[in-house]
N, C-alpha and C. Protein backbone atom coordinates (compact mmCIF):
# COMPACT_ATOMS: atom_id res chain seq x y z
N MET A 1 -17.53 -39.33 -65.26
CA MET A 1 -17.42 -40.19 -66.63
C MET A 1 -16.69 -39.93 -67.80
N ARG A 2 -15.68 -38.95 -68.04
CA ARG A 2 -14.80 -38.94 -68.92
C ARG A 2 -14.27 -40.18 -68.96
N GLY A 3 -13.32 -40.46 -68.17
CA GLY A 3 -12.87 -41.98 -68.47
C GLY A 3 -13.29 -42.78 -68.65
N VAL A 4 -14.92 -42.61 -68.29
CA VAL A 4 -15.12 -44.02 -68.88
C VAL A 4 -15.73 -44.37 -70.61
N TRP A 5 -15.81 -42.50 -71.23
CA TRP A 5 -15.12 -42.62 -72.73
C TRP A 5 -13.30 -42.71 -72.84
N GLU A 6 -12.70 -43.08 -72.51
CA GLU A 6 -11.48 -42.89 -73.02
C GLU A 6 -11.28 -44.32 -72.61
N ARG A 7 -11.99 -45.19 -72.10
CA ARG A 7 -12.32 -46.27 -71.63
C ARG A 7 -12.86 -46.90 -73.04
N ALA A 8 -13.35 -46.65 -73.46
CA ALA A 8 -14.27 -46.62 -75.05
C ALA A 8 -13.11 -46.54 -76.21
N VAL A 9 -13.00 -45.64 -76.28
CA VAL A 9 -12.03 -45.30 -77.70
C VAL A 9 -10.61 -46.35 -76.86
N ASP A 10 -9.80 -46.51 -76.46
CA ASP A 10 -9.31 -47.31 -76.37
C ASP A 10 -10.04 -48.72 -76.42
N ALA A 11 -10.94 -49.19 -76.15
CA ALA A 11 -11.19 -50.62 -76.59
C ALA A 11 -11.42 -50.51 -77.98
N GLY A 12 -12.30 -50.07 -77.82
CA GLY A 12 -12.38 -49.93 -80.12
C GLY A 12 -11.69 -49.53 -80.84
N MET A 13 -10.22 -48.98 -80.02
CA MET A 13 -9.07 -49.22 -81.21
C MET A 13 -8.44 -50.28 -80.91
N ASN A 14 -8.52 -50.82 -79.76
CA ASN A 14 -7.65 -52.06 -79.96
C ASN A 14 -8.34 -53.48 -79.71
N ASP A 15 -10.13 -53.21 -80.43
CA ASP A 15 -10.71 -54.27 -80.79
C ASP A 15 -11.17 -55.10 -79.29
N ASP A 16 -10.96 -54.31 -78.16
CA ASP A 16 -11.49 -55.47 -76.80
C ASP A 16 -13.26 -54.95 -76.35
N PHE A 17 -13.52 -56.30 -77.15
CA PHE A 17 -15.09 -56.01 -77.35
C PHE A 17 -15.71 -56.57 -76.20
N GLY A 18 -14.46 -56.96 -75.30
CA GLY A 18 -15.01 -56.82 -73.44
C GLY A 18 -15.03 -56.06 -72.37
N GLU A 19 -13.85 -55.35 -73.45
CA GLU A 19 -14.14 -53.66 -71.85
C GLU A 19 -14.96 -52.79 -73.30
N LEU A 20 -15.48 -53.27 -74.53
CA LEU A 20 -16.48 -52.89 -74.97
C LEU A 20 -17.88 -52.42 -73.96
N ASP A 21 -18.13 -54.17 -74.15
CA ASP A 21 -19.37 -54.32 -73.33
C ASP A 21 -19.27 -53.66 -72.01
N ALA A 22 -17.93 -54.07 -71.49
CA ALA A 22 -18.49 -53.67 -69.52
C ALA A 22 -18.12 -51.85 -69.41
N VAL A 23 -17.92 -51.21 -70.79
CA VAL A 23 -18.24 -49.40 -70.54
C VAL A 23 -19.57 -49.33 -70.87
N ARG A 24 -20.47 -50.22 -71.86
CA ARG A 24 -21.15 -49.72 -72.30
C ARG A 24 -22.56 -50.32 -70.92
N ASP A 25 -21.92 -51.58 -69.78
CA ASP A 25 -23.26 -51.68 -69.54
C ASP A 25 -22.91 -50.39 -68.10
N ILE A 26 -21.40 -49.97 -67.93
CA ILE A 26 -21.76 -48.27 -67.09
C ILE A 26 -22.23 -47.45 -67.50
N VAL A 27 -22.67 -46.75 -68.53
CA VAL A 27 -23.31 -45.85 -69.59
C VAL A 27 -24.65 -46.28 -69.75
N ILE A 28 -24.96 -47.45 -69.69
CA ILE A 28 -26.62 -47.74 -70.16
C ILE A 28 -27.21 -47.90 -68.45
N GLU A 29 -26.45 -47.61 -67.84
CA GLU A 29 -26.97 -47.95 -66.34
C GLU A 29 -28.16 -46.71 -66.17
N ASP A 30 -27.81 -45.49 -66.32
CA ASP A 30 -28.73 -44.76 -66.01
C ASP A 30 -29.77 -44.10 -66.98
N LEU A 31 -29.55 -44.93 -68.29
CA LEU A 31 -30.86 -44.99 -69.29
C LEU A 31 -32.27 -44.34 -68.90
N GLY A 32 -32.69 -45.84 -68.49
CA GLY A 32 -34.29 -46.18 -68.89
C GLY A 32 -34.52 -47.28 -69.39
N SER A 33 -35.55 -47.82 -70.19
CA SER A 33 -35.45 -48.78 -70.77
C SER A 33 -34.63 -49.66 -71.68
N ASP A 34 -34.25 -51.43 -72.40
CA ASP A 34 -33.56 -51.90 -72.47
C ASP A 34 -33.11 -50.52 -74.09
N TYR A 35 -34.00 -50.57 -74.85
CA TYR A 35 -34.27 -49.94 -75.55
C TYR A 35 -33.99 -49.08 -75.76
N ASP A 36 -34.04 -47.83 -74.89
CA ASP A 36 -33.63 -46.53 -74.71
C ASP A 36 -31.76 -46.92 -75.01
N ALA A 37 -31.85 -47.95 -73.81
CA ALA A 37 -30.35 -47.67 -73.38
C ALA A 37 -29.62 -47.96 -75.04
N TYR A 38 -30.05 -49.46 -75.36
CA TYR A 38 -30.01 -50.09 -76.37
C TYR A 38 -29.01 -48.68 -77.46
N ARG A 39 -30.06 -47.99 -77.92
CA ARG A 39 -31.09 -47.06 -78.64
C ARG A 39 -29.44 -45.74 -78.83
N ASN A 40 -29.22 -45.41 -77.67
CA ASN A 40 -28.25 -44.70 -77.41
C ASN A 40 -27.11 -44.98 -77.45
N VAL A 41 -26.56 -45.60 -77.49
CA VAL A 41 -25.38 -46.63 -76.85
C VAL A 41 -24.89 -47.51 -77.86
N SER A 42 -25.92 -47.39 -79.35
CA SER A 42 -25.43 -48.99 -80.07
C SER A 42 -23.91 -48.45 -81.24
N SER A 43 -24.16 -46.85 -81.17
CA SER A 43 -22.55 -46.06 -82.10
C SER A 43 -21.82 -45.74 -81.04
N VAL A 44 -21.57 -46.60 -79.76
CA VAL A 44 -20.75 -45.42 -78.79
C VAL A 44 -19.52 -45.31 -79.33
N VAL A 45 -18.05 -46.16 -80.07
CA VAL A 45 -17.30 -46.64 -80.80
C VAL A 45 -17.04 -45.42 -81.35
N TRP A 46 -18.09 -45.15 -82.29
CA TRP A 46 -18.02 -44.28 -83.74
C TRP A 46 -18.61 -43.14 -83.52
N ALA A 47 -19.60 -42.73 -82.63
CA ALA A 47 -19.22 -41.54 -81.83
C ALA A 47 -18.33 -41.02 -81.63
N ALA A 48 -16.97 -41.69 -80.37
CA ALA A 48 -16.01 -41.18 -79.54
C ALA A 48 -15.06 -41.15 -81.06
C-alpha cells in the first residue's frame, strides 16, 4: 500500500486529478460501502 500513497502525494503535488482518481479507486476497493469509502478517502491528499 505504500506505493499507492506515494502515488497520491505525487499526484496531489502535480495537480494530476486523473492519477488521484486512479489512486482513490485502489484505496476504496476494500473499504465497504460507497458512503464509507467516500468518507474515508475524500481528503486523502490533504491528510498525506
